[in-house]
Amino acid sequence: MRMLKNLLTGLWQAPAAAARAALEQEAISSLGPAIEAFNAGRYEEAVRACETVIAGQPDSAQARHLCARALMALQRHAEALPLLKVAVDIDPALADAHGDLARIRFEAGDHQAAEKHARDAVAAQPAEARFREVLADVLQATGRDRDALTELFAALEFAPERQDLLLRLCAGLDRAGRHREMLPLAERAVAENGENFETLCCLALAQFGVDELEAAEATARKALRLRSDDSAPYVVLGNALFELGRPDEALAAHRRALKLDPDSAAARYDIGLINLMRCRFREGWEHFEQRLNINRFRAWRSCEPRWNGRALQGRTILVMREQGLGDEIMYASCYPDLLRQSAQCHIECDPRLERLFTRSFPGARFHPLQDLHTRERTDPGVPVDVYSYAGSLPRHFRNGLQEFPAHSGYLKPDPQRVGHWRQRLAALGTGLKVGISWRGGVAVTRRGRRSLDLTQLLPVLSVPGVHWINLQYGDRDADIAEFSAAQGIAITDWPEAIDRDYDETAALVSALDLVISVCTSVVHLTGALGRPAWVMTPRIPEWRYGLGRDTMPWYPSVRLFRQPGRGEWQPVIAEIRERLQDQAKGQD
């Protein structure tokens, strides 16, 4: 019915060209039988009636459009396509025809043409929300999630009464990790549409995303009282319970979700993360593979034929880059295992890691890949027998604590650059040379939960006998300047070692006595170099840092200082201060 309403609206709009108006109105008046047949669902009859009108009025854009609509209802898109093309040629302002062309092109995978026609439809009728939705579909499919959300925000402005659009926008913000924006929209959905199952699920997701964990638990349970046969609220409930420090209850919630929906990638993935954090690696890695099916992850490039872990026997493998810089360094611990099996090993990497990795793993050939969203597969210049995502390698090599090597560093810095940085550090004077990093992650990876500011770290930074060296990437100039001016404590920042090639960062880290950091990529770099690091971790950190232990199986040189309770940084900072004082005194 909605399609017919929109169609009739378009049919009775006079074309922009006044000279054609009378002819088009004559054609429209002849379309009565076709419209009646279309309305009754007699699409074959509607096609024949339209063809009769087109024979007499070949320049009628509306007749061609209605004929195309009937053909689309019959799933005969190939026949509808030329009719729509002629319709928009005759009347470029016919928004509905552009919209239909966009949908056909989108379903056929021609995203470029789909975007053009969707934009033409929006330009013709800017206040029509459904055209912006089509454009959002195209933008999302081509990895432009931010632009897609912009179109959905605009669509909602023109159609504020549509709960489905409001909830779709919330889902998009959830995938993007923009929960601060999502929360008021979710609250609006509840206020305007009541506490129904859909609005409560949306609100629980938003509350969880902004760390309102108790509220998320309560809202998810409220949704389950309305419907206990859907897996979605159990997944949110499980996540909230886990972050609240109740892993057994969390597992029970996720397993309930899995019982209701055995295909739930979210439930399987979260079960995998909990098992990995508990060092139950075999089961954890199996479920970790579900990351490839989670909606909030992009559609990664094809990894077929995929390596199944069996002996490569001289075959060529290409390892595909994924996730963040720290993950890439962590998964690289498996590269020596892989190289022992493969005659030719090709590995994608972040361009910042190319030199460091090439030196550290001379048996492999590295291919820098800047854009993780690219749809093009890397061509190593030789035939590839099998592929693997980097995050899938541990499934074959790290299934128990005994399989993690007790290494003293598998990354090899440039000895000359290490010597260079030792000289510069020595010029600062006597005392410990300690690297510091205080922010980690992005919104979607819980930056707020695992980041500090320099003022919070004052008890540590004021320990005498220590020279502080910046290891914080990104914007930090204002932080350092304000802290130094207020406290009189210098933090030396060498941007050439931080903002460019990670090979230079590795050389600087290798010259330091110690690194103190929140959970961020510098922890992985320091541990992979075999250098000592003290890490300040939230009560429930990212899965890589495990639960309860003060060590990481990935990096023997790393020590973890965990919050005793959620958000409790003061005891962590106090313990690190005490240990640092002891170490600094030992340098006297």
Protein backbone atom coordinates (compact mmCIF):
# COMPACT_ATOMS: atom_id res chain seq x y z
CA MET A 1 0.00 0.00 0.00
CA ARG A 2 2.85 2.37 0.84
CA MET A 3 4.44 1.72 -2.56
CA LEU A 4 1.13 2.51 -4.31
CA LYS A 5 0.65 5.70 -2.31
CA ASN A 6 4.11 6.89 -3.31
CA LEU A 7 3.52 5.86 -6.90
CA LEU A 8 0.24 7.75 -7.18
CA THR A 9 1.85 10.81 -5.64
CA GLY A 10 4.47 10.71 -8.37
CA LEU A 11 1.96 10.05 -11.10
CA TRP A 12 -0.10 13.11 -10.36
CA GLN A 13 2.83 15.51 -10.06
CA ALA A 14 3.06 17.73 -13.14
CA PRO A 15 6.46 17.55 -14.87
CA ALA A 16 8.78 20.50 -14.45
CA ALA A 17 8.71 21.32 -18.15
CA ALA A 18 5.48 23.23 -18.71
CA ALA A 19 5.50 22.44 -22.43
CA ARG A 20 5.11 18.73 -21.64
CA ALA A 21 2.49 19.10 -18.94
CA ALA A 22 -0.56 18.73 -21.17
CA LEU A 23 0.81 15.68 -22.99
CA GLU A 24 1.78 13.99 -19.72
CA GLN A 25 -1.62 14.69 -18.18
CA GLU A 26 -3.25 13.11 -21.22
CA ALA A 27 -1.11 9.99 -20.74
CA ILE A 28 -1.86 9.92 -17.01
CA SER A 29 -5.59 10.10 -17.66
CA SER A 30 -5.19 6.99 -19.83
CA LEU A 31 -3.42 5.12 -17.05
CA GLY A 32 -6.59 4.55 -15.02
CA PRO A 33 -6.92 0.84 -15.96
CA ALA A 34 -3.21 0.28 -15.38
CA ILE A 35 -3.36 1.91 -11.94
CA GLU A 36 -6.45 -0.12 -11.04
CA ALA A 37 -4.74 -3.35 -12.08
CA PHE A 38 -1.56 -2.42 -10.20
CA ASN A 39 -3.56 -1.60 -7.08
CA ALA A 40 -5.30 -4.99 -7.26
CA GLY A 41 -1.96 -6.82 -7.65
CA ARG A 42 -2.70 -7.83 -11.23
CA TYR A 43 0.76 -6.87 -12.40
CA GLU A 44 0.75 -8.66 -15.75
CA GLU A 45 -2.44 -6.82 -16.63
CA ALA A 46 -0.89 -3.55 -15.44
CA VAL A 47 2.11 -4.10 -17.72
CA ARG A 48 -0.10 -4.70 -20.74
CA ALA A 49 -2.21 -1.60 -19.97
CA CYS A 50 0.92 0.53 -19.60
CA GLU A 51 2.33 -0.77 -22.87
CA THR A 52 -0.88 0.32 -24.61
CA VAL A 53 -0.47 3.85 -23.22
CA ILE A 54 3.23 3.95 -24.11
CA ALA A 55 2.43 2.94 -27.69
CA GLY A 56 0.25 6.02 -28.00
CA GLN A 57 2.32 8.31 -25.80
CA PRO A 58 5.97 7.16 -26.12
CA ASP A 59 7.20 10.30 -24.33
CA SER A 60 5.23 9.62 -21.16
CA ALA A 61 7.72 9.22 -18.30
CA GLN A 62 4.88 8.31 -15.90
CA ALA A 63 3.58 5.47 -18.08
CA ARG A 64 7.05 3.99 -18.39
CA HIS A 65 7.60 4.34 -14.68
CA LEU A 66 4.35 2.57 -13.77
CA CYS A 67 5.16 -0.19 -16.24
CA ALA A 68 8.59 -0.60 -14.67
CA ARG A 69 7.02 -0.74 -11.20
CA ALA A 70 4.72 -3.55 -12.28
CA LEU A 71 7.66 -5.43 -13.79
CA MET A 72 9.62 -4.96 -10.55
CA ALA A 73 6.70 -6.44 -8.62
CA LEU A 74 7.00 -9.44 -10.94
CA GLN A 75 10.76 -9.62 -10.21
CA ARG A 76 11.50 -8.82 -13.85
CA HIS A 77 14.12 -6.18 -13.08
CA ALA A 78 16.05 -6.62 -16.32
CA GLU A 79 12.94 -5.58 -18.27
CA ALA A 80 12.16 -2.72 -15.89
CA LEU A 81 15.63 -1.20 -16.18
CA PRO A 82 15.42 0.23 -19.74
CA LEU A 83 11.95 1.64 -19.03
CA LEU A 84 13.28 3.49 -15.97
CA LYS A 85 16.29 4.79 -17.89
CA VAL A 86 14.03 6.28 -20.59
CA ALA A 87 11.67 7.66 -17.93
CA VAL A 88 14.43 9.68 -16.25
CA ASP A 89 15.79 10.78 -19.62
CA ILE A 90 12.33 12.15 -20.47
CA ASP A 91 11.79 13.66 -17.03
CA PRO A 92 15.04 14.05 -15.01
CA ALA A 93 13.02 15.33 -12.05
CA LEU A 94 11.00 12.11 -11.68
CA ALA A 95 12.34 11.25 -8.23
CA ASP A 96 10.53 7.93 -7.85
CA ALA A 97 12.05 6.59 -11.07
CA HIS A 98 15.52 7.59 -9.88
CA GLY A 99 14.78 5.88 -6.57
CA ASP A 100 13.75 2.67 -8.30
CA LEU A 101 16.82 2.77 -10.52
CA ALA A 102 18.98 3.21 -7.44
CA ARG A 103 17.40 0.18 -5.78
CA ILE A 104 17.79 -2.04 -8.88
CA ARG A 105 21.40 -0.96 -9.37
CA PHE A 106 22.13 -1.46 -5.67
CA GLU A 107 20.73 -4.99 -5.66
CA ALA A 108 22.82 -5.75 -8.74
CA GLY A 109 25.98 -4.58 -6.95
CA ASP A 110 26.50 -1.51 -9.17
CA HIS A 111 27.07 0.87 -6.28
CA GLN A 112 28.39 3.74 -8.38
CA ALA A 113 25.25 3.92 -10.53
CA ALA A 114 23.04 3.31 -7.48
CA GLU A 115 24.60 6.27 -5.67
CA LYS A 116 24.13 8.55 -8.69
CA HIS A 117 20.42 7.78 -9.00
CA ALA A 118 19.87 7.93 -5.24
CA ARG A 119 21.44 11.39 -5.15
CA ASP A 120 19.32 12.44 -8.14
CA ALA A 121 16.20 11.29 -6.27
CA VAL A 122 17.24 13.23 -3.15
CA ALA A 123 17.99 16.33 -5.22
CA ALA A 124 14.53 16.13 -6.82
CA GLN A 125 12.70 15.59 -3.52
CA PRO A 126 15.01 16.53 -0.59
CA ALA A 127 12.24 16.08 1.99
CA GLU A 128 11.43 12.49 0.97
CA ALA A 129 12.99 10.26 3.63
CA ARG A 130 12.86 7.03 1.64
CA PHE A 131 15.27 8.34 -1.00
CA ARG A 132 17.76 9.25 1.70
CA GLU A 133 17.38 5.73 3.08
CA VAL A 134 18.34 4.26 -0.30
CA LEU A 135 21.33 6.57 -0.44
CA ALA A 136 22.28 5.50 3.10
CA ASP A 137 22.14 1.85 2.00
CA VAL A 138 24.59 2.55 -0.80
CA LEU A 139 26.94 4.58 1.38
CA GLN A 140 26.94 1.93 4.08
CA ALA A 141 27.63 -0.83 1.56
CA THR A 142 30.66 1.09 0.28
CA GLY A 143 32.16 1.62 3.73
CA ARG A 144 31.06 5.24 4.20
CA ASP A 145 29.20 4.69 7.44
CA ARG A 146 29.59 8.27 8.66
CA ASP A 147 28.01 9.65 5.46
CA ALA A 148 25.25 7.03 5.69
CA LEU A 149 24.40 8.17 9.22
CA THR A 150 24.29 11.78 8.03
CA GLU A 151 21.62 10.82 5.47
CA LEU A 152 19.64 8.90 8.10
CA PHE A 153 19.75 11.88 10.46
CA ALA A 154 18.38 14.05 7.63
CA ALA A 155 15.70 11.46 6.79
CA LEU A 156 14.54 11.43 10.40
CA GLU A 157 14.20 15.21 10.37
CA PHE A 158 11.73 14.88 7.48
CA ALA A 159 9.93 11.84 8.91
CA PRO A 160 10.13 12.19 12.72
CA GLU A 161 7.09 9.95 13.19
CA ARG A 162 8.80 6.85 11.80
CA GLN A 163 9.91 4.52 14.59
CA ASP A 164 11.58 2.15 12.11
CA LEU A 165 13.82 4.94 10.86
CA LEU A 166 14.61 6.08 14.39
CA LEU A 167 15.60 2.54 15.36
CA ARG A 168 17.66 2.08 12.19
CA LEU A 169 19.57 5.26 13.00
CA CYS A 170 20.19 3.97 16.51
CA ALA A 171 21.51 0.69 15.10
CA GLY A 172 23.89 2.58 12.83
CA LEU A 173 25.17 4.69 15.71
CA ASP A 174 25.67 1.51 17.73
CA ARG A 175 27.81 -0.02 14.96
CA ALA A 176 29.84 3.20 14.78
CA GLY A 177 30.32 3.31 18.54
CA ARG A 178 28.59 6.71 18.73
CA HIS A 179 26.59 5.86 21.81
CA ARG A 180 26.56 9.38 23.24
CA GLU A 181 24.51 10.39 20.21
CA MET A 182 22.51 7.18 20.27
CA LEU A 183 21.30 7.48 23.87
CA PRO A 184 19.02 10.54 23.45
CA LEU A 185 17.56 9.02 20.28
CA ALA A 186 16.86 5.76 22.10
CA GLU A 187 15.26 7.68 24.96
CA ARG A 188 13.18 9.57 22.39
CA ALA A 189 12.08 6.27 20.84
CA VAL A 190 10.84 5.10 24.24
CA ALA A 191 9.14 8.43 25.00
CA GLU A 192 7.36 8.62 21.64
CA ASN A 193 6.53 4.95 21.11
CA GLY A 194 6.39 3.56 24.62
CA GLU A 195 8.33 0.75 26.27
CA ASN A 196 7.91 -1.86 23.58
CA PHE A 197 10.39 -4.63 22.89
CA GLU A 198 12.19 -2.80 20.07
CA THR A 199 12.60 0.51 21.88
CA LEU A 200 13.81 -1.17 25.07
CA CYS A 201 16.42 -3.20 23.17
CA CYS A 202 17.64 -0.01 21.53
CA LEU A 203 17.82 1.80 24.86
CA ALA A 204 19.70 -1.07 26.53
CA LEU A 205 22.31 -1.02 23.75
CA ALA A 206 22.78 2.74 24.14
CA GLN A 207 23.05 2.52 27.93
CA PHE A 208 25.65 -0.22 27.65
CA GLY A 209 27.58 1.84 25.11
CA VAL A 210 27.90 4.80 27.50
CA ASP A 211 28.85 2.53 30.43
CA GLU A 212 25.52 2.87 32.23
CA LEU A 213 25.84 -0.82 33.00
CA GLU A 214 23.30 -1.15 35.81
CA ALA A 215 20.74 0.71 33.69
CA ALA A 216 21.54 -1.50 30.68
CA GLU A 217 21.03 -4.63 32.78
CA ALA A 218 17.67 -3.34 34.09
CA THR A 219 16.46 -2.30 30.62
CA ALA A 220 17.50 -5.60 29.03
CA ARG A 221 15.64 -7.52 31.75
CA LYS A 222 12.59 -5.33 31.16
CA ALA A 223 12.72 -6.17 27.44
CA LEU A 224 12.96 -9.87 28.30
CA ARG A 225 9.82 -9.61 30.41
CA LEU A 226 8.02 -8.52 27.26
CA ARG A 227 9.66 -11.17 25.06
CA SER A 228 11.90 -13.92 26.33
CA ASP A 229 12.15 -15.74 23.00
CA ASP A 230 14.55 -13.31 21.31
CA SER A 231 18.33 -13.56 21.64
CA ALA A 232 19.15 -9.84 21.27
CA PRO A 233 18.40 -8.68 24.84
CA TYR A 234 20.23 -11.70 26.25
CA VAL A 235 23.36 -10.59 24.37
CA VAL A 236 23.13 -7.06 25.80
CA LEU A 237 22.41 -8.48 29.24
CA GLY A 238 25.42 -10.80 28.99
CA ASN A 239 27.69 -7.94 28.00
CA ALA A 240 26.48 -5.75 30.86
CA LEU A 241 26.85 -8.55 33.40
CA PHE A 242 30.38 -9.28 32.24
CA GLU A 243 31.44 -5.65 32.52
CA LEU A 244 29.89 -5.59 35.99
CA GLY A 245 32.28 -8.36 36.98
CA ARG A 246 29.81 -11.27 36.85
CA PRO A 247 31.29 -13.52 34.15
CA ASP A 248 29.38 -16.68 35.12
CA GLU A 249 26.03 -14.90 34.81
CA ALA A 250 27.24 -13.33 31.57
CA LEU A 251 28.07 -16.72 30.08
CA ALA A 252 24.66 -18.02 31.12
CA ALA A 253 22.96 -15.10 29.34
CA HIS A 254 24.98 -15.59 26.16
CA ARG A 255 24.33 -19.32 26.16
CA ARG A 256 20.63 -18.63 26.54
CA ALA A 257 20.88 -16.33 23.51
CA LEU A 258 22.63 -19.10 21.60
CA LYS A 259 19.95 -21.62 22.52
CA LEU A 260 17.29 -19.28 21.16
CA ASP A 261 19.32 -18.46 18.06
CA PRO A 262 22.03 -21.02 17.26
CA ASP A 263 23.21 -18.76 14.44
CA SER A 264 23.75 -15.73 16.69
CA ALA A 265 27.22 -14.53 15.75
CA ALA A 266 27.12 -11.92 18.54
CA ALA A 267 26.48 -14.51 21.25
CA ARG A 268 29.14 -16.89 19.94
CA TYR A 269 31.66 -14.06 19.60
CA ASP A 270 31.07 -12.83 23.15
CA ILE A 271 31.34 -16.37 24.53
CA GLY A 272 34.64 -16.59 22.67
CA LEU A 273 35.95 -13.39 24.24
CA ILE A 274 35.06 -14.53 27.75
CA ASN A 275 36.81 -17.85 27.19
CA LEU A 276 39.90 -16.14 25.82
CA MET A 277 40.01 -13.87 28.84
CA ARG A 278 39.87 -16.96 31.04
CA CYS A 279 42.72 -18.59 29.06
CA ARG A 280 40.37 -21.25 27.67
CA PHE A 281 41.96 -20.75 24.31
CA ARG A 282 40.74 -23.66 22.21
CA GLU A 283 37.04 -22.88 22.74
CA GLY A 284 37.77 -19.17 22.71
CA TRP A 285 39.44 -19.13 19.28
CA GLU A 286 36.67 -21.24 17.78
CA HIS A 287 34.05 -18.66 18.75
CA PHE A 288 36.40 -15.74 18.03
CA GLU A 289 36.00 -16.58 14.34
CA GLN A 290 32.47 -15.17 14.61
CA ARG A 291 34.00 -11.68 14.56
CA LEU A 292 33.80 -12.03 10.78
CA ASN A 293 30.01 -12.21 10.99
CA ILE A 294 29.32 -9.44 13.50
CA ASN A 295 27.34 -6.58 12.01
CA ARG A 296 29.47 -3.89 13.59
CA PHE A 297 32.55 -5.19 11.75
CA ARG A 298 32.93 -4.24 8.12
CA ALA A 299 32.51 -6.83 5.39
CA TRP A 300 36.12 -7.92 5.11
CA ARG A 301 37.67 -8.99 1.86
CA SER A 302 37.30 -12.58 0.79
CA CYS A 303 39.69 -15.00 2.47
CA GLU A 304 39.12 -17.97 0.16
CA PRO A 305 40.52 -20.52 -0.18
CA ARG A 306 41.04 -20.32 3.54
CA TRP A 307 43.85 -22.07 5.40
CA ASN A 308 42.54 -24.75 7.77
CA GLY A 309 45.70 -25.10 9.85
CA ARG A 310 47.01 -28.22 8.17
CA ALA A 311 50.66 -28.47 7.16
CA LEU A 312 51.31 -26.11 4.27
CA GLN A 313 53.91 -28.44 2.72
CA GLY A 314 55.59 -25.74 0.72
CA ARG A 315 52.40 -23.98 -0.37
CA THR A 316 52.15 -20.17 -0.55
CA ILE A 317 50.02 -18.36 2.01
CA LEU A 318 48.90 -14.74 2.21
CA VAL A 319 48.04 -13.39 5.67
CA MET A 320 45.49 -10.58 5.55
CA ARG A 321 45.71 -7.60 7.88
CA GLU A 322 42.80 -6.82 10.23
CA GLN A 323 41.87 -4.83 13.35
CA GLY A 324 44.25 -2.37 15.02
CA LEU A 325 47.98 -1.78 15.18
CA GLY A 326 48.36 -3.48 18.57
CA ASP A 327 46.46 -6.55 17.39
CA GLU A 328 48.69 -6.75 14.35
CA ILE A 329 51.80 -6.79 16.55
CA MET A 330 50.26 -9.40 18.85
CA TYR A 331 49.26 -11.75 16.02
CA ALA A 332 52.78 -11.38 14.61
CA SER A 333 53.97 -13.62 17.44
CA CYS A 334 52.56 -16.47 15.31
CA TYR A 335 54.61 -15.56 12.23
CA PRO A 336 57.67 -17.66 13.22
CA ASP A 337 55.36 -20.69 13.62
CA LEU A 338 53.89 -20.03 10.19
CA LEU A 339 57.28 -19.52 8.55
CA ARG A 340 58.44 -22.92 9.72
CA GLN A 341 55.70 -24.46 7.57
CA SER A 342 55.48 -22.33 4.45
CA ALA A 343 57.78 -22.13 1.46
CA GLN A 344 56.44 -18.67 0.66
CA CYS A 345 54.75 -16.50 3.26
CA HIS A 346 53.26 -13.16 2.20
CA ILE A 347 51.83 -10.90 4.90
CA GLU A 348 49.91 -7.65 4.73
CA CYS A 349 50.83 -5.03 7.33
CA ASP A 350 50.24 -1.47 8.36
CA PRO A 351 52.74 0.69 6.42
CA ARG A 352 54.16 1.91 9.74
CA LEU A 353 55.20 -1.66 10.57
CA GLU A 354 56.77 -2.68 7.26
CA ARG A 355 60.42 -1.99 8.12
CA LEU A 356 60.14 -3.40 11.64
CA PHE A 357 58.40 -6.57 10.48
CA THR A 358 60.72 -7.09 7.51
CA ARG A 359 63.75 -7.01 9.80
CA SER A 360 62.10 -9.20 12.45
CA PHE A 361 60.77 -11.90 10.11
CA PRO A 362 63.25 -12.14 7.20
CA GLY A 363 61.61 -15.28 5.83
CA ALA A 364 58.38 -13.44 4.97
CA ARG A 365 57.56 -10.81 2.41
CA PHE A 366 55.48 -7.92 3.70
CA HIS A 367 52.96 -5.92 1.72
CA PRO A 368 51.92 -2.57 3.24
CA LEU A 369 48.17 -2.04 3.24
CA GLN A 370 46.91 1.38 4.27
CA ASP A 371 43.16 0.97 3.79
CA LEU A 372 41.49 -1.81 5.75
CA HIS A 373 38.22 -1.02 3.97
CA THR A 374 39.53 -1.72 0.49
CA ARG A 375 37.66 -4.32 -1.55
CA GLU A 376 40.79 -5.15 -3.57
CA ARG A 377 42.86 -8.15 -2.54
CA THR A 378 46.62 -7.74 -2.30
CA ASP A 379 48.48 -9.16 -5.28
CA PRO A 380 51.80 -10.58 -4.03
CA GLY A 381 53.00 -11.21 -7.57
CA VAL A 382 52.87 -15.00 -7.23
CA PRO A 383 49.99 -17.50 -7.15
CA VAL A 384 48.51 -17.86 -3.66
CA ASP A 385 47.38 -21.29 -2.49
CA VAL A 386 45.63 -20.33 0.75
CA TYR A 387 44.69 -17.23 2.72
CA SER A 388 44.26 -16.46 6.41
CA TYR A 389 43.15 -13.46 8.42
CA ALA A 390 45.86 -12.47 10.89
CA GLY A 391 43.46 -12.90 13.81
CA SER A 392 42.80 -16.49 12.81
CA LEU A 393 46.43 -17.60 13.16
CA PRO A 394 46.37 -18.09 16.97
CA ARG A 395 43.62 -20.65 16.51
CA HIS A 396 46.26 -22.91 14.99
CA PHE A 397 49.24 -22.04 17.21
CA ARG A 398 48.03 -20.83 20.64
CA ASN A 399 45.55 -23.31 22.12
CA GLY A 400 47.07 -23.53 25.59
CA LEU A 401 49.32 -21.49 27.87
CA GLN A 402 52.15 -23.91 27.12
CA GLU A 403 51.98 -22.91 23.43
CA PHE A 404 52.87 -19.28 24.13
CA PRO A 405 56.66 -18.95 23.76
CA ALA A 406 58.63 -17.51 26.69
CA HIS A 407 60.35 -15.06 24.34
CA SER A 408 62.65 -12.17 25.11
CA GLY A 409 61.35 -10.22 22.13
CA TYR A 410 60.29 -11.34 18.65
CA LEU A 411 60.50 -7.88 17.12
CA LYS A 412 64.00 -6.66 16.29
CA PRO A 413 64.68 -2.91 16.39
CA ASP A 414 67.34 -1.19 14.31
CA PRO A 415 70.52 -1.33 16.47
CA GLN A 416 71.86 1.95 15.10
CA ARG A 417 68.62 3.79 15.88
CA VAL A 418 68.54 2.26 19.37
CA GLY A 419 72.05 3.64 19.90
CA HIS A 420 70.93 7.03 18.64
CA TRP A 421 68.08 7.20 21.14
CA ARG A 422 70.27 5.98 24.00
CA GLN A 423 72.55 8.94 23.37
CA ARG A 424 69.67 11.39 23.37
CA LEU A 425 68.25 9.87 26.54
CA ALA A 426 71.63 10.02 28.26
CA ALA A 427 71.78 13.72 27.47
CA LEU A 428 68.76 14.25 29.72
CA GLY A 429 70.87 13.41 32.77
CA THR A 430 71.04 10.64 35.33
CA GLY A 431 67.98 8.71 36.46
CA LEU A 432 65.44 6.33 35.00
CA LYS A 433 64.20 6.98 31.48
CA VAL A 434 60.52 5.97 31.45
CA GLY A 435 58.03 6.16 28.60
CA ILE A 436 54.46 7.23 29.38
CA SER A 437 51.17 6.81 27.49
CA TRP A 438 47.85 7.80 29.04
CA ARG A 439 45.16 7.46 26.36
CA GLY A 440 44.15 4.38 24.41
CA GLY A 441 41.65 3.22 21.85
CA VAL A 442 38.75 4.94 20.14
CA ALA A 443 35.10 5.28 21.13
CA VAL A 444 34.12 1.82 19.89
CA THR A 445 37.01 0.22 21.84
CA ARG A 446 36.15 1.92 25.13
CA ARG A 447 38.57 4.84 25.11
CA GLY A 448 36.90 6.48 28.11
CA ARG A 449 37.19 3.39 30.26
CA ARG A 450 40.89 2.80 29.63
CA SER A 451 42.23 6.35 29.44
CA LEU A 452 43.52 8.77 32.07
CA ASP A 453 44.67 12.36 32.11
CA LEU A 454 48.10 13.51 33.21
CA THR A 455 46.77 15.13 36.38
CA GLN A 456 45.45 11.77 37.55
CA LEU A 457 48.94 10.38 37.03
CA LEU A 458 50.61 13.13 39.09
CA PRO A 459 51.51 10.75 41.98
CA VAL A 460 53.49 8.64 39.50
CA LEU A 461 54.88 11.49 37.42
CA SER A 462 56.17 13.29 40.53
CA VAL A 463 58.43 10.39 41.60
CA PRO A 464 61.95 11.85 41.83
CA GLY A 465 64.83 10.49 39.79
CA VAL A 466 62.74 9.81 36.65
CA HIS A 467 62.90 11.42 33.22
CA TRP A 468 59.55 11.07 31.41
CA ILE A 469 59.42 10.39 27.68
CA ASN A 470 56.19 10.74 25.72
CA LEU A 471 54.89 7.64 23.95
CA GLN A 472 51.36 9.01 23.46
CA TYR A 473 50.31 9.17 19.81
CA GLY A 474 47.80 11.65 18.42
CA ASP A 475 47.01 15.07 19.85
CA ARG A 476 49.01 15.52 23.03
CA ASP A 477 50.80 18.89 22.76
CA ALA A 478 48.20 20.76 24.81
CA ASP A 479 48.06 18.02 27.45
CA ILE A 480 51.83 18.04 27.93
CA ALA A 481 52.15 21.83 27.88
CA GLU A 482 49.34 22.43 30.39
CA PHE A 483 50.56 19.70 32.74
CA SER A 484 54.17 20.86 32.62
CA ALA A 485 53.18 24.48 33.21
CA ALA A 486 50.96 23.58 36.17
CA GLN A 487 53.21 20.97 37.82
CA GLY A 488 56.72 21.87 36.69
CA ILE A 489 57.28 18.31 35.47
CA ALA A 490 58.79 17.90 32.02
CA ILE A 491 57.63 15.23 29.58
CA THR A 492 60.06 15.05 26.68
CA ASP A 493 58.31 14.60 23.36
CA TRP A 494 60.17 13.57 20.21
CA PRO A 495 57.48 13.59 17.48
CA GLU A 496 59.85 12.04 14.95
CA ALA A 497 59.82 8.87 17.07
CA ILE A 498 56.05 8.75 17.58
CA ASP A 499 54.20 10.13 14.59
CA ARG A 500 55.91 8.44 11.67
CA ASP A 501 57.36 4.99 11.17
CA TYR A 502 56.81 2.57 14.06
CA ASP A 503 60.35 1.32 13.49
CA GLU A 504 61.54 4.55 15.08
CA THR A 505 59.14 4.11 17.97
CA ALA A 506 60.51 0.61 18.48
CA ALA A 507 64.07 1.95 18.64
CA LEU A 508 63.10 4.56 21.25
CA VAL A 509 61.18 2.03 23.35
CA SER A 510 64.16 -0.35 23.21
CA ALA A 511 66.39 2.40 24.64
CA LEU A 512 64.09 3.14 27.61
CA ASP A 513 64.37 1.60 31.06
CA LEU A 514 60.63 1.10 31.41
CA VAL A 515 57.27 1.89 29.81
CA ILE A 516 54.20 2.80 31.88
CA SER A 517 50.99 2.86 29.88
CA VAL A 518 47.27 2.34 29.74
CA CYS A 519 45.95 -0.39 27.44
CA THR A 520 47.07 0.74 24.01
CA SER A 521 49.25 -0.33 21.07
CA VAL A 522 52.49 0.76 22.76
CA VAL A 523 51.95 -2.08 25.27
CA HIS A 524 52.02 -4.60 22.43
CA LEU A 525 55.08 -2.97 20.89
CA THR A 526 56.97 -2.93 24.19
CA GLY A 527 56.06 -6.53 25.01
CA ALA A 528 56.90 -7.76 21.51
CA LEU A 529 60.33 -6.11 21.86
CA GLY A 530 60.83 -7.93 25.16
CA ARG A 531 61.11 -4.65 27.05
CA PRO A 532 59.53 -4.09 30.50
CA ALA A 533 56.11 -2.47 30.62
CA TRP A 534 53.72 -1.72 33.49
CA VAL A 535 50.16 -1.52 32.26
CA MET A 536 47.26 0.16 34.04
CA THR A 537 44.18 -1.87 33.16
CA PRO A 538 40.46 -1.40 33.86
CA ARG A 539 38.69 -3.90 36.08
CA ILE A 540 37.39 -5.57 32.91
CA PRO A 541 39.87 -4.79 30.12
CA GLU A 542 39.93 -5.79 26.48
CA TRP A 543 40.14 -9.58 26.03
CA ARG A 544 43.86 -9.50 25.24
CA TYR A 545 44.70 -8.65 28.85
CA GLY A 546 42.84 -11.59 30.39
CA LEU A 547 41.14 -11.77 33.79
CA GLY A 548 42.75 -11.88 37.20
CA ARG A 549 46.37 -12.52 36.22
CA ASP A 550 49.11 -9.89 36.52
CA THR A 551 50.87 -11.20 33.41
CA MET A 552 50.02 -11.65 29.73
CA PRO A 553 50.81 -14.93 27.97
CA TRP A 554 51.63 -12.93 24.86
CA TYR A 555 54.39 -10.86 26.50
CA PRO A 556 56.49 -12.18 29.40
CA SER A 557 58.01 -8.73 30.04
CA VAL A 558 54.64 -7.02 30.66
CA ARG A 559 53.10 -6.63 34.12
CA LEU A 560 49.46 -5.70 34.67
CA PHE A 561 48.13 -3.46 37.45
CA ARG A 562 44.37 -3.99 37.59
CA GLN A 563 41.65 -1.84 39.07
CA PRO A 564 40.22 -3.56 42.17
CA GLY A 565 36.79 -2.23 41.19
CA ARG A 566 35.24 -0.59 38.16
CA GLY A 567 36.64 2.89 37.65
CA GLU A 568 39.01 2.66 40.64
CA TRP A 569 42.29 4.06 39.32
CA GLN A 570 43.67 5.43 42.59
CA PRO A 571 44.90 2.06 43.99
CA VAL A 572 46.53 1.25 40.65
CA ILE A 573 48.35 4.57 40.55
CA ALA A 574 49.42 4.21 44.19
CA GLU A 575 50.92 0.76 43.60
CA ILE A 576 52.80 1.88 40.50
CA ARG A 577 54.12 4.93 42.36
CA GLU A 578 55.46 2.71 45.15
CA ARG A 579 57.16 0.30 42.77
CA LEU A 580 58.60 3.12 40.68
CA GLN A 581 60.02 4.77 43.79
CA ASP A 582 61.80 1.54 44.69
CA GLN A 583 63.19 1.18 41.18
CA ALA A 584 64.33 4.80 41.03
CA LYS A 585 66.12 4.45 44.38
CA GLY A 586 67.92 1.42 43.02
CA GLN A 587 69.45 3.68 40.35
CA ASP A 588 71.05 5.96 42.93
